[in-house]
Protein backbone atom coordinates (compact mmCIF):
# COMPACT_ATOMS: atom_id res chain seq x y z
CA MET A 1 -26.68 12.85 -17.13
CA GLN A 2 -23.01 13.40 -16.18
CA PRO A 3 -22.53 12.00 -12.67
CA GLN A 4 -21.76 15.05 -9.88
CA LEU A 5 -19.41 15.00 -7.01
CA PRO A 6 -20.97 15.47 -3.86
CA PRO A 7 -20.96 18.61 -2.15
CA CYS A 8 -18.14 20.15 -0.59
CA THR A 9 -17.82 23.25 1.76
CA HIS A 10 -13.88 23.71 1.31
CA VAL A 11 -13.04 26.31 -1.14
CA PRO A 12 -9.66 26.09 -2.32
CA SER A 13 -7.53 29.13 -2.39
CA PRO A 14 -6.99 31.09 -5.25
CA TYR A 15 -3.61 29.77 -7.14
CA THR A 16 -1.45 32.28 -8.23
CA GLY A 17 2.09 30.75 -8.75
CA PRO A 18 3.67 29.18 -12.40
CA SER A 19 1.37 27.39 -15.16
CA LYS A 20 1.46 24.25 -15.38
CA THR A 21 2.86 24.72 -18.22
CA GLU A 22 5.94 26.61 -16.71
CA VAL A 23 6.12 23.70 -14.03
CA LEU A 24 6.11 20.93 -16.44
CA ALA A 25 8.94 22.31 -18.33
CA LEU A 26 10.96 22.87 -15.08
CA ARG A 27 10.22 19.50 -14.07
CA GLN A 28 11.74 18.29 -17.43
CA HIS A 29 14.46 20.34 -17.52
CA HIS A 30 15.80 19.89 -13.94
CA CYS A 31 14.62 16.91 -12.50
CA ASN A 32 15.55 12.93 -13.41
CA PRO A 33 13.80 11.61 -16.16
CA ALA A 34 12.40 8.43 -14.45
CA ILE A 35 10.26 10.84 -12.51
CA PHE A 36 6.99 10.21 -14.79
CA THR A 37 3.70 11.55 -14.24
CA TYR A 38 0.40 10.24 -14.31
CA TYR A 39 -2.05 10.97 -17.45
CA GLN A 40 -1.79 11.48 -20.94
CA GLU A 41 -2.45 15.02 -19.67
CA PRO A 42 -0.12 15.34 -16.69
CA LEU A 43 -2.13 16.28 -13.29
CA MET A 44 -0.86 19.33 -11.24
CA ILE A 45 -2.31 19.23 -7.18
CA VAL A 46 -2.03 22.26 -5.73
CA GLU A 47 -4.26 21.55 -2.79
CA GLY A 48 -6.02 18.79 -1.00
CA HIS A 49 -8.72 18.64 1.59
CA LEU A 50 -10.10 15.17 3.07
CA GLN A 51 -10.90 12.88 0.47
CA TYR A 52 -10.50 15.70 -2.43
CA LEU A 53 -7.68 17.34 -4.38
CA PHE A 54 -7.56 20.25 -6.29
CA ASP A 55 -5.61 21.58 -9.54
CA GLU A 56 -4.43 24.40 -10.30
CA THR A 57 -7.87 25.79 -11.69
CA GLY A 58 -9.76 24.99 -8.83
CA ARG A 59 -11.27 21.68 -9.97
CA ARG A 60 -11.77 19.55 -7.36
CA TYR A 61 -11.17 15.53 -8.08
CA LEU A 62 -12.18 12.57 -5.18
CA ASP A 63 -8.70 10.61 -4.72
CA LEU A 64 -9.43 6.92 -4.73
CA PHE A 65 -5.47 6.44 -4.67
CA ALA A 66 -4.64 8.50 -1.68
CA GLY A 67 -3.80 5.07 0.22
CA ILE A 68 -0.30 4.91 -1.80
CA VAL A 69 0.41 8.42 -1.13
CA THR A 70 0.28 8.15 2.58
CA VAL A 71 -2.94 9.12 3.40
CA SER A 72 -5.31 7.68 6.15
CA CYS A 73 -6.97 10.58 7.67
CA GLY A 74 -7.54 12.93 4.30
CA HIS A 75 -5.62 15.05 2.95
CA SER A 76 -4.24 18.29 5.24
CA HIS A 77 -6.35 16.76 8.04
CA PRO A 78 -6.67 19.89 10.38
CA ARG A 79 -5.62 17.75 13.60
CA VAL A 80 -2.83 16.40 12.01
CA VAL A 81 -1.88 19.61 10.33
CA ALA A 82 -2.02 21.36 13.53
CA ARG A 83 0.03 18.80 15.49
CA ALA A 84 2.70 19.13 13.02
CA CYS A 85 3.14 22.96 12.75
CA GLU A 86 3.00 23.12 16.22
CA GLN A 87 5.93 21.23 16.77
CA LEU A 88 7.76 22.62 13.73
CA GLY A 89 7.55 25.95 15.48
CA ARG A 90 9.14 24.27 18.72
CA LEU A 91 11.91 22.05 17.30
CA GLN A 92 12.05 20.39 13.99
CA HIS A 93 15.16 18.15 14.04
CA THR A 94 17.25 16.24 16.68
CA THR A 95 18.70 12.89 16.19
CA THR A 96 17.89 9.36 17.91
CA ILE A 97 21.60 9.76 19.99
CA TYR A 98 19.37 12.19 21.92
CA LEU A 99 16.12 12.21 24.10
CA HIS A 100 12.86 13.30 22.82
CA PRO A 101 9.49 12.60 24.82
CA LEU A 102 7.39 12.11 21.37
CA PHE A 103 9.83 9.18 20.48
CA GLY A 104 8.74 6.78 23.47
CA GLU A 105 5.33 8.04 23.46
CA PHE A 106 4.89 7.23 19.91
CA ALA A 107 6.48 3.83 20.00
CA ARG A 108 4.60 3.34 23.29
CA GLN A 109 1.39 4.05 21.44
CA LEU A 110 2.10 2.18 18.11
CA THR A 111 3.12 -1.14 19.54
CA ALA A 112 0.01 -1.22 21.62
CA LYS A 113 -1.93 -1.75 18.64
CA LEU A 114 -0.15 -5.11 17.46
CA PRO A 115 -0.15 -8.52 19.31
CA PRO A 116 1.95 -7.73 22.48
CA GLU A 117 4.90 -9.91 21.88
CA LEU A 118 5.51 -7.06 19.02
CA GLU A 119 6.31 -4.72 21.58
CA VAL A 120 9.93 -2.54 19.98
CA ALA A 121 9.73 -0.08 17.27
CA TYR A 122 12.37 1.12 15.20
CA PHE A 123 11.49 4.56 13.21
CA THR A 124 12.54 5.42 9.44
CA ASN A 125 11.73 7.54 6.79
CA SER A 126 10.02 5.08 3.72
CA GLY A 127 8.91 1.68 3.54
CA SER A 128 11.65 0.66 1.31
CA GLU A 129 14.22 1.60 4.22
CA ALA A 130 11.88 -0.34 6.80
CA ASN A 131 11.95 -3.52 4.65
CA ASP A 132 15.56 -2.98 4.38
CA LEU A 133 16.15 -3.06 8.07
CA ALA A 134 13.34 -5.72 8.80
CA LEU A 135 15.50 -7.91 6.34
CA THR A 136 18.84 -6.98 7.85
CA MET A 137 17.41 -8.04 11.72
CA ALA A 138 16.34 -11.50 10.60
CA ARG A 139 19.61 -11.91 9.01
CA LEU A 140 21.24 -11.25 12.16
CA TYR A 141 19.12 -13.13 14.26
CA THR A 142 18.72 -16.50 12.49
CA GLY A 143 22.47 -16.37 10.99
CA HIS A 144 21.38 -17.31 7.83
CA HIS A 145 21.20 -14.82 4.35
CA ASP A 146 18.43 -16.21 2.30
CA VAL A 147 15.01 -14.51 1.77
CA VAL A 148 11.91 -15.79 -0.03
CA ALA A 149 9.15 -13.36 -1.08
CA LEU A 150 6.53 -14.22 -3.30
CA ARG A 151 5.64 -13.24 -6.92
CA ASN A 152 4.25 -10.17 -8.18
CA GLY A 153 5.07 -8.50 -4.82
CA TYR A 154 6.51 -4.96 -4.41
CA HIS A 155 8.66 -4.02 -1.50
CA GLY A 156 10.48 -0.92 -2.34
CA GLY A 157 12.53 1.06 -4.66
CA ILE A 158 16.07 0.91 -3.08
CA SER A 159 18.37 -1.81 -4.97
CA SER A 160 18.33 -4.22 -1.76
CA MET A 161 14.77 -4.35 -2.26
CA MET A 162 14.27 -4.26 -5.55
CA GLY A 163 15.83 -7.77 -5.48
CA VAL A 164 12.72 -9.05 -3.34
CA THR A 165 10.53 -7.24 -5.67
CA ALA A 166 9.28 -9.35 -8.30
CA LEU A 167 7.68 -7.17 -10.90
CA HIS A 168 10.00 -6.44 -13.50
CA THR A 169 8.71 -2.93 -14.51
CA TRP A 170 9.83 -1.83 -10.89
CA LYS A 171 13.75 -3.48 -11.46
CA TYR A 172 16.65 -2.21 -13.41
CA PRO A 173 18.67 -4.95 -15.71
CA LEU A 174 21.56 -5.23 -12.64
CA PRO A 175 22.52 -7.81 -10.05
CA GLN A 176 19.63 -8.00 -7.93
CA GLY A 177 22.08 -9.86 -4.93
CA ALA A 178 22.02 -13.66 -4.09
CA GLY A 179 20.22 -15.29 -1.92
CA VAL A 180 16.41 -14.01 -2.71
CA HIS A 181 13.88 -16.49 -4.09
CA HIS A 182 10.13 -16.13 -4.58
CA SER A 183 7.70 -18.63 -4.46
CA VAL A 184 4.03 -18.62 -6.30
CA CYS A 185 1.55 -15.77 -5.56
CA PRO A 186 -1.38 -17.46 -4.02
CA ASP A 187 -3.91 -15.13 -5.59
CA PRO A 188 -6.85 -17.68 -6.32
CA TYR A 189 -7.58 -15.65 -9.72
CA ARG A 190 -4.07 -16.07 -11.58
CA SER A 191 -2.85 -19.52 -9.85
CA PRO A 192 -0.82 -21.69 -11.52
CA PHE A 193 -3.10 -24.17 -9.56
CA ALA A 194 -6.42 -25.47 -10.36
CA GLY A 195 -8.83 -26.25 -7.28
CA SER A 196 -10.75 -24.46 -4.04
CA PRO A 197 -9.39 -21.30 -2.17
CA ALA A 198 -8.01 -24.26 -0.06
CA GLU A 199 -6.24 -26.17 -2.37
CA ILE A 200 -5.03 -23.38 -3.83
CA ALA A 201 -3.53 -22.24 0.08
CA ARG A 202 -2.03 -25.51 0.38
CA LEU A 203 -0.31 -26.06 -3.12
CA SER A 204 1.04 -22.56 -2.79
CA ALA A 205 2.63 -23.08 0.77
CA ALA A 206 4.02 -26.53 -0.89
CA ASP A 207 5.73 -24.47 -3.44
CA LEU A 208 7.19 -22.19 -0.78
CA GLU A 209 8.68 -25.22 0.95
CA GLN A 210 10.10 -26.29 -2.39
CA THR A 211 11.27 -23.08 -3.15
CA ILE A 212 12.91 -23.05 0.47
CA ARG A 213 14.51 -26.80 0.38
CA TYR A 214 15.81 -26.69 -3.55
CA SER A 215 16.80 -22.69 -3.83
CA THR A 216 18.30 -21.82 -0.84
CA PRO A 217 20.58 -24.09 1.60
CA GLY A 218 17.53 -25.20 3.17
CA ARG A 219 17.51 -22.73 5.96
CA ILE A 220 16.65 -19.41 5.09
CA ALA A 221 16.60 -15.73 7.06
CA ALA A 222 12.83 -14.70 6.50
CA PHE A 223 9.77 -14.60 4.31
CA ILE A 224 8.81 -11.49 3.78
CA ALA A 225 4.89 -10.83 1.85
CA GLU A 226 2.03 -8.08 1.70
CA PRO A 227 -0.98 -9.50 3.13
CA ILE A 228 -2.86 -7.92 0.26
CA GLN A 229 -0.80 -7.15 -2.41
CA GLY A 230 -0.83 -3.11 -3.47
CA VAL A 231 1.36 -2.53 -6.73
CA GLY A 232 0.52 -6.20 -7.92
CA GLY A 233 -3.02 -5.34 -8.25
CA THR A 234 -4.47 -6.19 -4.74
CA THR A 235 -3.90 -9.62 -4.99
CA SER A 236 -4.75 -11.51 -1.71
CA ALA A 237 -4.10 -15.08 -0.66
CA PRO A 238 -7.12 -17.98 0.74
CA PRO A 239 -8.20 -17.47 4.23
CA ASP A 240 -5.43 -20.35 5.05
CA TYR A 241 -2.38 -19.79 3.00
CA TYR A 242 -0.34 -17.30 5.61
CA ARG A 243 -0.71 -19.77 8.52
CA LEU A 244 0.14 -22.78 6.32
CA ALA A 245 3.13 -20.20 4.78
CA TYR A 246 4.50 -19.09 8.25
CA GLU A 247 4.46 -23.05 9.73
CA VAL A 248 6.96 -23.50 6.82
CA VAL A 249 9.04 -21.06 7.15
CA ARG A 250 9.28 -21.43 11.01
CA ARG A 251 10.20 -24.81 10.31
CA HIS A 252 13.13 -24.27 8.46
CA GLY A 253 14.41 -21.49 10.33
CA GLY A 254 13.04 -18.37 9.09
CA LEU A 255 11.41 -15.33 9.93
CA CYS A 256 8.11 -14.17 8.88
CA ILE A 257 7.88 -10.14 8.25
CA ALA A 258 4.57 -8.89 6.94
CA ASP A 259 4.74 -5.89 4.97
CA GLU A 260 1.94 -3.65 6.11
CA VAL A 261 3.29 -0.35 4.25
CA GLN A 262 -0.17 -0.30 2.63
CA THR A 263 -2.59 -2.45 4.15
CA GLY A 264 -2.09 -1.09 7.90
CA PHE A 265 -3.83 1.34 10.09
CA GLY A 266 -7.35 -0.28 9.77
CA ARG A 267 -7.52 -0.17 5.92
CA THR A 268 -8.94 -3.52 5.17
CA GLY A 269 -11.71 -2.37 7.73
CA ASP A 270 -11.97 -5.76 9.84
CA HIS A 271 -9.09 -5.48 11.44
CA TYR A 272 -5.85 -2.78 12.08
CA TRP A 273 -3.73 -4.88 10.51
CA GLY A 274 -3.51 -6.90 7.29
CA PHE A 275 -2.27 -9.80 8.96
CA GLU A 276 -4.89 -10.29 11.14
CA ASN A 277 -7.40 -11.22 8.40
CA PHE A 278 -5.64 -14.13 8.12
CA GLY A 279 -5.20 -14.97 11.59
CA VAL A 280 -1.30 -14.99 12.17
CA VAL A 281 0.94 -12.91 13.87
CA PRO A 282 4.38 -11.98 11.97
CA ASP A 283 7.60 -11.68 13.80
CA ILE A 284 8.26 -8.47 11.98
CA VAL A 285 6.07 -6.08 10.83
CA THR A 286 7.00 -3.26 8.58
CA MET A 287 4.72 -0.09 7.98
CA ALA A 288 4.87 3.71 6.04
CA LYS A 289 2.56 5.39 3.95
CA GLY A 290 -0.58 5.98 6.52
CA ILE A 291 1.57 5.88 9.44
CA GLY A 292 2.18 9.30 8.65
CA ASN A 293 -0.37 10.86 6.83
CA GLY A 294 1.90 12.46 4.34
CA ALA A 295 5.18 13.00 6.74
CA PRO A 296 8.22 10.75 5.94
CA LEU A 297 7.82 8.34 8.55
CA ALA A 298 8.02 4.20 8.78
CA ALA A 299 8.81 1.72 11.08
CA VAL A 300 9.88 -1.69 11.89
CA VAL A 301 8.01 -3.23 14.59
CA THR A 302 9.17 -7.02 16.13
CA ARG A 303 9.99 -8.72 19.30
CA ARG A 304 12.68 -7.99 22.10
CA GLU A 305 15.23 -10.17 21.21
CA ILE A 306 15.04 -10.11 17.57
CA ALA A 307 15.63 -6.48 18.13
CA GLN A 308 18.71 -6.79 20.15
CA THR A 309 20.66 -8.01 17.50
CA LEU A 310 20.99 -4.45 16.26
CA ALA A 311 22.59 -3.77 19.57
CA GLN A 312 25.75 -5.63 18.92
CA ARG A 313 26.95 -2.09 16.49
CA LEU A 314 26.63 1.30 17.09
CA HIS A 315 22.94 2.03 15.13
CA PHE A 316 21.45 5.72 14.60
CA ASN A 317 19.30 7.35 12.56
CA THR A 318 19.62 10.84 11.64
CA PHE A 319 15.95 11.36 10.46
CA GLY A 320 14.11 8.43 11.71
CA GLY A 321 12.14 9.45 14.71
CA ASN A 322 12.11 13.21 13.96
CA PRO A 323 10.01 14.98 16.04
CA VAL A 324 7.89 16.42 13.73
CA SER A 325 7.25 13.05 12.09
CA MET A 326 6.58 11.80 15.61
CA ALA A 327 4.24 14.51 16.59
CA GLN A 328 1.88 13.69 13.19
CA GLY A 329 2.09 9.90 13.64
CA LEU A 330 0.88 10.54 17.12
CA ALA A 331 -2.09 12.58 15.75
CA VAL A 332 -2.63 10.06 12.90
CA LEU A 333 -3.46 7.27 15.42
CA GLU A 334 -5.78 9.78 17.30
CA VAL A 335 -7.61 10.71 14.21
CA ILE A 336 -8.22 6.86 13.48
CA GLU A 337 -9.48 6.26 16.73
CA GLU A 338 -11.45 9.48 17.51
CA GLU A 339 -13.21 9.63 13.80
CA GLY A 340 -13.92 5.67 13.65
CA LEU A 341 -11.79 5.63 10.54
CA GLN A 342 -11.26 2.08 10.50
CA GLU A 343 -15.17 1.17 10.81
CA ASN A 344 -15.99 3.56 7.88
CA ALA A 345 -13.31 1.73 6.08
CA ARG A 346 -15.73 -1.76 6.80
CA VAL A 347 -18.82 -0.31 6.33
CA VAL A 348 -18.08 2.46 3.07
CA GLY A 349 -15.60 -0.12 1.82
CA GLY A 350 -18.04 -3.15 1.70
CA HIS A 351 -20.40 -0.89 0.01
CA PHE A 352 -17.97 0.16 -2.89
CA LYS A 353 -17.04 -3.85 -3.11
CA ALA A 354 -20.61 -4.86 -3.38
CA GLY A 355 -21.15 -2.10 -5.99
CA LEU A 356 -17.94 -2.91 -7.96
CA GLU A 357 -19.48 -6.84 -7.83
CA GLN A 358 -22.92 -5.44 -9.04
CA LEU A 359 -20.34 -3.89 -12.23
CA ARG A 360 -19.00 -6.96 -12.46
CA ALA A 361 -22.68 -8.69 -13.09
CA LYS A 362 -23.44 -5.90 -15.52
CA HIS A 363 -20.33 -5.34 -17.56
CA PRO A 364 -18.49 -8.65 -19.20
CA LEU A 365 -14.98 -6.97 -19.17
CA VAL A 366 -14.78 -6.84 -15.13
CA GLY A 367 -13.06 -10.36 -14.48
CA ASP A 368 -12.50 -10.10 -10.88
CA VAL A 369 -13.08 -7.75 -7.56
CA ARG A 370 -10.72 -8.11 -5.06
CA GLY A 371 -9.77 -6.56 -1.81
CA ARG A 372 -10.66 -5.85 1.98
CA GLY A 373 -12.25 -2.57 3.43
CA LEU A 374 -10.89 0.66 1.33
CA MET A 375 -8.20 -1.59 -0.51
CA LEU A 376 -10.04 -2.82 -3.43
CA GLY A 377 -9.29 -3.81 -7.12
CA LEU A 378 -11.30 -4.17 -10.25
CA GLU A 379 -9.49 -6.34 -12.97
CA LEU A 380 -10.24 -5.78 -16.49
CA VAL A 381 -10.24 -9.22 -18.77
CA LEU A 382 -11.31 -9.47 -22.57
CA ASP A 383 -12.40 -13.14 -22.05
CA ARG A 384 -13.67 -14.06 -18.40
CA GLY A 385 -12.83 -17.53 -20.06
CA THR A 386 -9.32 -17.30 -20.84
CA LYS A 387 -8.64 -14.14 -18.31
CA GLU A 388 -6.80 -12.36 -21.15
CA PRO A 389 -5.89 -9.22 -19.52
CA ALA A 390 -7.31 -6.25 -20.62
CA PRO A 391 -4.26 -3.40 -20.41
CA ALA A 392 -5.51 -0.93 -23.03
CA GLN A 393 -9.17 -0.92 -22.02
CA THR A 394 -7.72 -0.28 -18.47
CA ALA A 395 -6.15 2.46 -19.14
CA TRP A 396 -8.90 4.15 -21.25
CA LEU A 397 -11.05 3.52 -18.10
CA TRP A 398 -8.31 5.42 -15.91
CA GLU A 399 -7.97 8.30 -18.29
CA TYR A 400 -11.93 8.59 -18.67
CA ALA A 401 -12.40 8.28 -14.68
CA ARG A 402 -9.86 11.14 -14.22
CA GLN A 403 -11.76 13.22 -17.00
CA GLN A 404 -15.05 12.75 -14.60
CA GLY A 405 -13.19 13.69 -11.64
CA VAL A 406 -12.21 10.61 -10.24
CA LEU A 407 -8.44 9.63 -9.19
CA THR A 408 -7.65 5.96 -9.12
CA GLY A 409 -4.24 3.67 -9.67
CA LYS A 410 -3.54 1.42 -12.26
CA GLY A 411 -0.99 -1.56 -11.48
CA GLY A 412 -0.98 -5.55 -11.46
CA LEU A 413 1.66 -7.62 -13.71
CA HIS A 414 -0.64 -7.04 -16.67
CA GLY A 415 -1.59 -3.29 -16.16
CA ASN A 416 -5.06 -4.23 -15.88
CA VAL A 417 -6.48 -3.40 -12.33
CA LEU A 418 -7.86 -0.31 -11.02
CA ARG A 419 -6.74 -0.08 -7.96
CA LEU A 420 -8.70 1.75 -5.17
CA LYS A 421 -7.01 2.99 -2.35
CA PRO A 422 -9.21 5.98 -1.22
CA PRO A 423 -8.25 8.13 2.42
CA LEU A 424 -9.96 6.54 4.97
CA CYS A 425 -12.65 9.22 5.69
CA VAL A 426 -13.99 8.94 1.92
CA THR A 427 -18.10 8.65 2.20
CA ARG A 428 -20.82 6.38 0.58
CA GLN A 429 -21.74 9.24 -1.51
CA ASP A 430 -18.23 9.55 -2.72
CA VAL A 431 -18.22 5.95 -3.72
CA ASP A 432 -22.08 5.88 -5.61
CA PHE A 433 -20.06 8.74 -7.48
CA ALA A 434 -17.52 6.62 -8.48
CA LEU A 435 -19.50 3.58 -9.30
CA GLU A 436 -21.26 5.86 -11.50
CA VAL A 437 -18.35 6.71 -13.32
CA PHE A 438 -17.17 3.41 -13.77
CA ASP A 439 -20.42 2.41 -14.97
CA GLY A 440 -20.59 4.80 -17.63
CA GLY A 441 -17.07 4.56 -18.18
CA LEU A 442 -17.21 0.51 -18.86
CA ALA A 443 -20.38 1.34 -20.66
CA GLU A 444 -18.83 3.08 -23.56
CA LEU A 445 -16.22 0.21 -23.68
CA GLY A 446 -18.82 -2.37 -24.20
CA ARG A 447 -19.94 0.01 -27.28
CA ARG A 448 -16.30 0.23 -28.48
CA ALA A 449 -16.19 -3.58 -28.98
CA MET A 450 -19.24 -4.21 -30.35
CA GLY A 451 -18.13 -1.87 -33.25
């Protein structure tokens, strides 16, 4: 019997706009061809409600990829929508050169979620902009230029961050800027080093030190890393890695930047921030996506003496910190707290991961299950011994899940990882439905492999 989505009381409004064919034609004719769509048959989304999305026909989908499109509380969360609309009706825009009460209030509440030494915030419009500003601060503060990032990482789509990003599919064949270097990704599943997780952590940190010593002048401005790599396939590090890596970086005069664009705001369950899972405190934290639940909002939070470096010149932001985004960001913090969404990420995410582990035990195609809370990855391989990637099978399962009503992401260095990042309000029943869909798809792939 075909799996069924859990019941939902929300009834989408009848769609009366242009057809999907017309929308696609307009896009193809008038929009930049670099703007791609997911799926062989493009999906048109016209409404959202919490963890669900609706197409123009009214069909409902379970969104397991919302975390990457900036949703923490759920699509069109009533509290968040109301706050944004209320502020929109009063004042839509003012730059940072004027005072507005929400600007400082959001900074106060946001920094209260971080270690006390990370006390000042700067608001931007995107994660790319936040990461670019973080590197600027690090270079100004240290007086050094070189930056080290991890292979397989992703830090944004603007030209400065494409150089830091290590995934070739996100880079253009243009000069990427001098002074950017990449160290080994500490992911135990595909590490070039053998041994226990602790040994892989030690060897990966040693590679980082070697990169600094031999690829840079010996002193660096910053080391930037995602606590859990998102686009790179939900890859993570052994428990000791970031402690060792931060020690190396600081010994060579650099600052440590945690890119929390995808891991922040309770997504990993056990902690509010991804870096907390590794027992470290960064010098700078960048964040976006979940911070605004769909608003163009991001932030850089750091120590006061590091932030002070920007004050040596005039610096303002036309749209960063606008009143509507501030109102929406404040509402997001409230909803995460009042609705227990971090705890939901821990409990439901744990249930989800356990179910994925059961699929791994059942289906040889599943090579690895990884992640924390509601940031999970399912890597498919043709052979568990050789770990040969299975991108074609991953693409088929990705399409199959969509046909069954489950939307997922797809990523990783080889395009063979299903990325699972639902809104933090997702339920156990939703997860059970998704697991049933994945089980059916993997079983079909197994039958096809056997002829």
